[in-house]
C-alpha atoms as a PDB file:
ATOM      1  CA  TYR A   1     -22.640 -12.878  -6.849  1.00  0.00           C
ATOM      2  CA  GLU A   2     -24.186 -15.678  -4.839  1.00  0.00           C
ATOM      3  CA  LEU A   3     -27.462 -15.121  -3.004  1.00  0.00           C
ATOM      4  CA  TYR A   4     -28.800 -17.316  -0.214  1.00  0.00           C
ATOM      5  CA  LEU A   5     -32.420 -17.166   0.974  1.00  0.00           C
ATOM      6  CA  PRO A   6     -33.593 -19.031   4.098  1.00  0.00           C
ATOM      7  CA  LYS A   7     -35.627 -22.178   3.428  1.00  0.00           C
ATOM      8  CA  ASN A   8     -38.730 -20.549   4.953  1.00  0.00           C
ATOM      9  CA  TYR A   9     -38.316 -17.398   2.871  1.00  0.00           C
ATOM     10  CA  GLY A  10     -41.481 -15.970   1.385  1.00  0.00           C
ATOM     11  CA  ASN A  11     -43.715 -16.029   4.443  1.00  0.00           C
ATOM     12  CA  GLY A  12     -43.974 -12.221   4.613  1.00  0.00           C
ATOM     13  CA  LYS A  13     -41.263 -11.999   7.265  1.00  0.00           C
ATOM     14  CA  LYS A  14     -38.420  -9.474   6.964  1.00  0.00           C
ATOM     15  CA  TYR A  15     -34.956 -11.036   7.235  1.00  0.00           C
ATOM     16  CA  PRO A  16     -31.589  -9.676   8.310  1.00  0.00           C
ATOM     17  CA  LEU A  17     -29.086  -9.457   5.486  1.00  0.00           C
ATOM     18  CA  VAL A  18     -25.411 -10.413   5.709  1.00  0.00           C
ATOM     19  CA  PHE A  19     -23.319  -8.745   3.011  1.00  0.00           C
ATOM     20  CA  VAL A  20     -19.918 -10.407   2.396  1.00  0.00           C
ATOM     21  CA  LEU A  21     -16.943  -9.011   0.480  1.00  0.00           C
ATOM     22  CA  HIS A  22     -14.152 -11.487  -0.270  1.00  0.00           C
ATOM     23  CA  GLY A  23     -10.409 -10.985  -0.245  1.00  0.00           C
ATOM     24  CA  ALA A  24      -7.951 -10.631  -3.113  1.00  0.00           C
ATOM     25  CA  GLY A  25      -7.453 -14.382  -3.576  1.00  0.00           C
ATOM     26  CA  GLN A  26     -10.935 -14.900  -5.004  1.00  0.00           C
ATOM     27  CA  ARG A  27     -10.791 -12.186  -7.682  1.00  0.00           C
ATOM     28  CA  LEU A  28     -10.158 -14.443 -10.661  1.00  0.00           C
ATOM     29  CA  GLN A  29     -11.423 -17.747  -9.306  1.00  0.00           C
ATOM     30  CA  SER A  30     -14.780 -19.263 -10.145  1.00  0.00           C
ATOM     31  CA  VAL A  31     -17.649 -17.582  -8.312  1.00  0.00           C
ATOM     32  CA  ASP A  32     -18.232 -20.674  -6.137  1.00  0.00           C
ATOM     33  CA  MET A  33     -14.820 -20.050  -4.531  1.00  0.00           C
ATOM     34  CA  VAL A  34     -16.347 -16.954  -2.934  1.00  0.00           C
ATOM     35  CA  LEU A  35     -18.374 -19.466  -0.903  1.00  0.00           C
ATOM     36  CA  LYS A  36     -15.763 -22.166  -0.390  1.00  0.00           C
ATOM     37  CA  ARG A  37     -12.784 -20.074   0.679  1.00  0.00           C
ATOM     38  CA  TYR A  38     -12.863 -19.143   4.366  1.00  0.00           C
ATOM     39  CA  GLU A  39     -16.620 -19.843   4.523  1.00  0.00           C
ATOM     40  CA  SER A  40     -17.228 -16.189   5.404  1.00  0.00           C
ATOM     41  CA  ALA A  41     -20.606 -16.358   3.647  1.00  0.00           C
ATOM     42  CA  THR A  42     -21.657 -19.971   4.103  1.00  0.00           C
ATOM     43  CA  VAL A  43     -21.228 -19.913   7.883  1.00  0.00           C
ATOM     44  CA  TRP A  44     -24.295 -17.631   8.070  1.00  0.00           C
ATOM     45  CA  ALA A  45     -26.371 -19.866   5.791  1.00  0.00           C
ATOM     46  CA  LYS A  46     -25.559 -23.032   7.788  1.00  0.00           C
ATOM     47  CA  ASP A  47     -27.190 -21.666  10.942  1.00  0.00           C
ATOM     48  CA  SER A  48     -30.061 -20.237   8.928  1.00  0.00           C
ATOM     49  CA  GLU A  49     -30.764 -23.678   7.442  1.00  0.00           C
ATOM     50  CA  LYS A  50     -31.087 -25.005  11.005  1.00  0.00           C
ATOM     51  CA  GLY A  51     -33.626 -22.282  11.790  1.00  0.00           C
ATOM     52  CA  ILE A  52     -31.069 -20.333  13.854  1.00  0.00           C
ATOM     53  CA  ASN A  53     -30.463 -16.693  12.931  1.00  0.00           C
ATOM     54  CA  GLU A  54     -32.354 -16.978   9.659  1.00  0.00           C
ATOM     55  CA  CYS A  55     -30.996 -14.438   7.212  1.00  0.00           C
ATOM     56  CA  ILE A  56     -30.386 -13.511   3.598  1.00  0.00           C
ATOM     57  CA  VAL A  57     -26.729 -13.759   2.600  1.00  0.00           C
ATOM     58  CA  ILE A  58     -25.132 -12.120  -0.398  1.00  0.00           C
ATOM     59  CA  ALA A  59     -21.540 -12.851  -1.408  1.00  0.00           C
ATOM     60  CA  LEU A  60     -20.191 -10.743  -4.238  1.00  0.00           C
ATOM     61  CA  GLN A  61     -17.215 -11.338  -6.477  1.00  0.00           C
ATOM     62  CA  CYS A  62     -14.805  -8.777  -7.852  1.00  0.00           C
ATOM     63  CA  ALA A  63     -13.761 -10.491 -11.091  1.00  0.00           C
ATOM     64  CA  GLU A  64     -10.831  -8.257 -11.989  1.00  0.00           C
ATOM     65  CA  ALA A  65      -7.265  -8.229 -10.674  1.00  0.00           C
ATOM     66  CA  ASN A  66      -4.050  -6.273 -11.348  1.00  0.00           C
ATOM     67  CA  GLY A  67      -4.525  -3.515  -8.808  1.00  0.00           C
ATOM     68  CA  ILE A  68      -8.325  -3.680  -8.769  1.00  0.00           C
ATOM     69  CA  GLY A  69     -10.464  -4.637  -5.785  1.00  0.00           C
ATOM     70  CA  TRP A  70     -13.352  -3.115  -3.825  1.00  0.00           C
ATOM     71  CA  THR A  71     -11.066  -0.126  -3.135  1.00  0.00           C
ATOM     72  CA  TYR A  72      -7.746   0.969  -4.615  1.00  0.00           C
ATOM     73  CA  PHE A  73      -5.922  -0.742  -1.735  1.00  0.00           C
ATOM     74  CA  MET A  74      -5.070  -3.443  -4.252  1.00  0.00           C
ATOM     75  CA  LYS A  75      -2.840  -1.009  -6.180  1.00  0.00           C
ATOM     76  CA  PHE A  76      -0.712  -0.931  -3.053  1.00  0.00           C
ATOM     77  CA  LEU A  77      -0.915  -4.675  -2.367  1.00  0.00           C
ATOM     78  CA  ASP A  78      -0.457  -5.843  -5.985  1.00  0.00           C
ATOM     79  CA  PHE A  79       2.095  -3.250  -7.130  1.00  0.00           C
ATOM     80  CA  GLY A  80       3.442  -1.540  -4.006  1.00  0.00           C
ATOM     81  CA  ASP A  81       1.947   1.780  -5.134  1.00  0.00           C
ATOM     82  CA  GLU A  82       2.438   3.986  -2.061  1.00  0.00           C
ATOM     83  CA  ASN A  83       0.397   6.752  -3.720  1.00  0.00           C
ATOM     84  CA  ALA A  84      -2.681   4.596  -4.283  1.00  0.00           C
ATOM     85  CA  GLU A  85      -5.904   6.010  -2.886  1.00  0.00           C
ATOM     86  CA  SER A  86      -6.238   2.830  -0.830  1.00  0.00           C
ATOM     87  CA  TYR A  87      -9.561   3.732   0.751  1.00  0.00           C
ATOM     88  CA  LYS A  88     -11.368   5.039  -2.326  1.00  0.00           C
ATOM     89  CA  PHE A  89     -13.965   2.825  -4.041  1.00  0.00           C
ATOM     90  CA  THR A  90     -13.288   1.346  -7.459  1.00  0.00           C
ATOM     91  CA  LYS A  91     -16.098   0.616  -9.907  1.00  0.00           C
ATOM     92  CA  TRP A  92     -16.408  -2.768  -8.149  1.00  0.00           C
ATOM     93  CA  GLY A  93     -16.990  -1.137  -4.759  1.00  0.00           C
ATOM     94  CA  ILE A  94     -19.618   1.141  -6.279  1.00  0.00           C
ATOM     95  CA  ALA A  95     -21.256  -1.836  -8.010  1.00  0.00           C
ATOM     96  CA  ALA A  96     -21.313  -3.741  -4.702  1.00  0.00           C
ATOM     97  CA  TYR A  97     -23.165  -0.889  -3.013  1.00  0.00           C
ATOM     98  CA  ASN A  98     -25.583  -0.609  -5.946  1.00  0.00           C
ATOM     99  CA  LEU A  99     -26.276  -4.338  -5.773  1.00  0.00           C
ATOM    100  CA  LEU A 100     -27.084  -3.984  -2.074  1.00  0.00           C
ATOM    101  CA  GLN A 101     -29.664  -1.326  -2.997  1.00  0.00           C
ATOM    102  CA  LYS A 102     -31.180  -3.663  -5.613  1.00  0.00           C
ATOM    103  CA  ILE A 103     -31.384  -6.577  -3.150  1.00  0.00           C
ATOM    104  CA  LYS A 104     -33.063  -4.333  -0.553  1.00  0.00           C
ATOM    105  CA  LYS A 105     -35.790  -3.465  -3.071  1.00  0.00           C
ATOM    106  CA  GLU A 106     -36.338  -6.964  -4.464  1.00  0.00           C
ATOM    107  CA  TYR A 107     -36.207  -9.096  -1.307  1.00  0.00           C
ATOM    108  CA  ASP A 108     -37.767  -9.051   2.165  1.00  0.00           C
ATOM    109  CA  VAL A 109     -34.833  -7.382   3.918  1.00  0.00           C
ATOM    110  CA  ASP A 110     -35.113  -6.019   7.440  1.00  0.00           C
ATOM    111  CA  LEU A 111     -33.571  -2.617   6.755  1.00  0.00           C
ATOM    112  CA  LYS A 112     -32.576  -2.201  10.411  1.00  0.00           C
ATOM    113  CA  ARG A 113     -30.504  -5.409  10.342  1.00  0.00           C
ATOM    114  CA  ILE A 114     -28.018  -5.202   7.475  1.00  0.00           C
ATOM    115  CA  TYR A 115     -24.604  -6.534   8.478  1.00  0.00           C
ATOM    116  CA  MET A 116     -21.291  -6.608   6.606  1.00  0.00           C
ATOM    117  CA  THR A 117     -18.166  -8.671   6.865  1.00  0.00           C
ATOM    118  CA  GLY A 118     -15.116  -8.840   4.647  1.00  0.00           C
ATOM    119  CA  VAL A 119     -11.620 -10.291   4.645  1.00  0.00           C
ATOM    120  CA  SER A 120      -8.480  -8.376   3.631  1.00  0.00           C
ATOM    121  CA  MET A 121      -9.455  -6.588   0.425  1.00  0.00           C
ATOM    122  CA  GLY A 122     -13.044  -7.098   1.601  1.00  0.00           C
ATOM    123  CA  GLY A 123     -12.200  -5.617   5.005  1.00  0.00           C
ATOM    124  CA  PHE A 124     -11.096  -2.413   3.285  1.00  0.00           C
ATOM    125  CA  GLY A 125     -14.271  -2.482   1.191  1.00  0.00           C
ATOM    126  CA  ILE A 126     -16.686  -2.829   4.090  1.00  0.00           C
ATOM    127  CA  PHE A 127     -14.906  -0.169   6.139  1.00  0.00           C
ATOM    128  CA  GLU A 128     -15.251   2.255   3.226  1.00  0.00           C
ATOM    129  CA  MET A 129     -18.863   1.315   2.516  1.00  0.00           C
ATOM    130  CA  ALA A 130     -19.828   1.836   6.168  1.00  0.00           C
ATOM    131  CA  ILE A 131     -17.942   5.149   6.261  1.00  0.00           C
ATOM    132  CA  GLU A 132     -19.717   6.405   3.136  1.00  0.00           C
ATOM    133  CA  HIS A 133     -23.161   5.033   4.076  1.00  0.00           C
ATOM    134  CA  PRO A 134     -23.258   4.665   7.883  1.00  0.00           C
ATOM    135  CA  GLU A 135     -27.061   4.800   8.009  1.00  0.00           C
ATOM    136  CA  GLU A 136     -27.255   1.495   6.110  1.00  0.00           C
ATOM    137  CA  PHE A 137     -25.553  -0.879   8.528  1.00  0.00           C
ATOM    138  CA  ALA A 138     -26.444  -2.427  11.868  1.00  0.00           C
ATOM    139  CA  ALA A 139     -22.879  -3.733  12.430  1.00  0.00           C
ATOM    140  CA  ILE A 140     -19.657  -4.545  10.587  1.00  0.00           C
ATOM    141  CA  VAL A 141     -16.980  -7.204  11.048  1.00  0.00           C
ATOM    142  CA  PRO A 142     -13.828  -6.273   9.124  1.00  0.00           C
ATOM    143  CA  VAL A 143     -11.113  -8.929   9.071  1.00  0.00           C
ATOM    144  CA  CYS A 144      -7.548  -7.706   8.343  1.00  0.00           C
ATOM    145  CA  GLY A 145      -8.806  -4.531   6.716  1.00  0.00           C
ATOM    146  CA  GLY A 146      -8.056  -0.869   7.172  1.00  0.00           C
ATOM    147  CA  ALA A 147     -10.045   2.349   7.188  1.00  0.00           C
ATOM    148  CA  ASN A 148      -9.264   5.910   6.239  1.00  0.00           C
ATOM    149  CA  PRO A 149      -8.131   7.530   9.514  1.00  0.00           C
ATOM    150  CA  GLU A 150      -9.543  10.866   8.348  1.00  0.00           C
ATOM    151  CA  THR A 151     -13.110   9.591   7.923  1.00  0.00           C
ATOM    152  CA  VAL A 152     -13.556   6.888  10.614  1.00  0.00           C
ATOM    153  CA  LYS A 153     -15.603   9.339  12.703  1.00  0.00           C
ATOM    154  CA  ASN A 154     -18.505   8.421  10.358  1.00  0.00           C
ATOM    155  CA  LEU A 155     -18.531   4.969  11.972  1.00  0.00           C
ATOM    156  CA  LYS A 156     -19.706   6.352  15.315  1.00  0.00           C
ATOM    157  CA  GLY A 157     -22.711   4.384  16.494  1.00  0.00           C
ATOM    158  CA  ILE A 158     -22.073   1.318  14.290  1.00  0.00           C
ATOM    159  CA  PRO A 159     -21.043  -1.749  16.301  1.00  0.00           C
ATOM    160  CA  ILE A 160     -17.646  -2.911  15.006  1.00  0.00           C
ATOM    161  CA  TRP A 161     -15.850  -6.147  15.770  1.00  0.00           C
ATOM    162  CA  THR A 162     -12.488  -6.093  14.043  1.00  0.00           C
ATOM    163  CA  PHE A 163      -9.893  -8.840  13.640  1.00  0.00           C
ATOM    164  CA  HIS A 164      -6.312  -8.626  12.403  1.00  0.00           C
ATOM    165  CA  ALA A 165      -3.368 -10.967  13.047  1.00  0.00           C
ATOM    166  CA  ILE A 166      -0.282  -9.102  14.234  1.00  0.00           C
ATOM    167  CA  ASP A 167       1.879 -11.272  11.963  1.00  0.00           C
ATOM    168  CA  ASP A 168      -0.362 -10.990   8.866  1.00  0.00           C
ATOM    169  CA  PRO A 169       1.974 -11.653   5.895  1.00  0.00           C
ATOM    170  CA  GLU A 170      -0.175  -9.767   3.356  1.00  0.00           C
ATOM    171  CA  VAL A 171      -1.918  -6.843   5.072  1.00  0.00           C
ATOM    172  CA  ASN A 172       0.671  -5.468   7.458  1.00  0.00           C
ATOM    173  CA  TYR A 173      -0.811  -4.962  10.926  1.00  0.00           C
ATOM    174  CA  GLU A 174       1.364  -1.949  11.809  1.00  0.00           C
ATOM    175  CA  LYS A 175       0.762  -0.169   8.503  1.00  0.00           C
ATOM    176  CA  TRP A 176      -3.008  -0.719   8.202  1.00  0.00           C
ATOM    177  CA  CYS A 177      -4.602  -1.841  11.470  1.00  0.00           C
ATOM    178  CA  VAL A 178      -2.737   0.277  14.010  1.00  0.00           C
ATOM    179  CA  PRO A 179      -3.550   3.627  12.310  1.00  0.00           C
ATOM    180  CA  THR A 180      -7.176   2.520  11.926  1.00  0.00           C
ATOM    181  CA  LEU A 181      -7.530   1.609  15.601  1.00  0.00           C
ATOM    182  CA  LYS A 182      -5.743   4.783  16.696  1.00  0.00           C
ATOM    183  CA  ALA A 183      -8.077   6.903  14.552  1.00  0.00           C
ATOM    184  CA  LEU A 184     -11.136   5.059  15.897  1.00  0.00           C
ATOM    185  CA  ASP A 185      -9.943   5.746  19.451  1.00  0.00           C
ATOM    186  CA  GLU A 186      -9.274   9.422  18.710  1.00  0.00           C
ATOM    187  CA  ALA A 187     -12.714   9.813  17.077  1.00  0.00           C
ATOM    188  CA  GLY A 188     -14.439   8.132  20.035  1.00  0.00           C
ATOM    189  CA  VAL A 189     -15.722   5.265  17.896  1.00  0.00           C
ATOM    190  CA  GLU A 190     -16.347   2.161  19.961  1.00  0.00           C
ATOM    191  CA  TYR A 191     -15.199  -1.202  18.647  1.00  0.00           C
ATOM    192  CA  LYS A 192     -14.306  -4.668  19.835  1.00  0.00           C
ATOM    193  CA  LYS A 193     -11.091  -6.378  18.789  1.00  0.00           C
END
């Protein structure tokens, strides 16, 4: 994983934390590609360096492929496994959550301002993490991810801003996003899209 601390870190102040889960394309690349691809982690650090929205940023890497990701969604995406438990955490998803707990203990994290974002495989991961641990997160921003329609009610009260291209060539909008949004609506979970 890559960890960014604001340049003024260490002054006794508590900082928001931005937790970033990458997509499938960074699984076997060098860890610096987690930062370079899509800039989903570095965009937060750039403002922080300017003294705007100072925060701690953590960008993790799942360094295994062939059906493995933050959740078992990758069994579907890599192999077309229709029976994959797409929303269930793998050992990497569990490790990501455990690392978050470690960072919270070791750094000056404002526990009321922990935010998550993730792209594709990472979007599935952050949805599942927020569903399993809703008390942890101030807001989530899933990008082309999907959530378990049966458990989205756990997201009630968490601000959500979700993005998904209708013509996404990898994570089919109709198959993954539409059921998620429908379930959010039915559960009365507010979100912005």
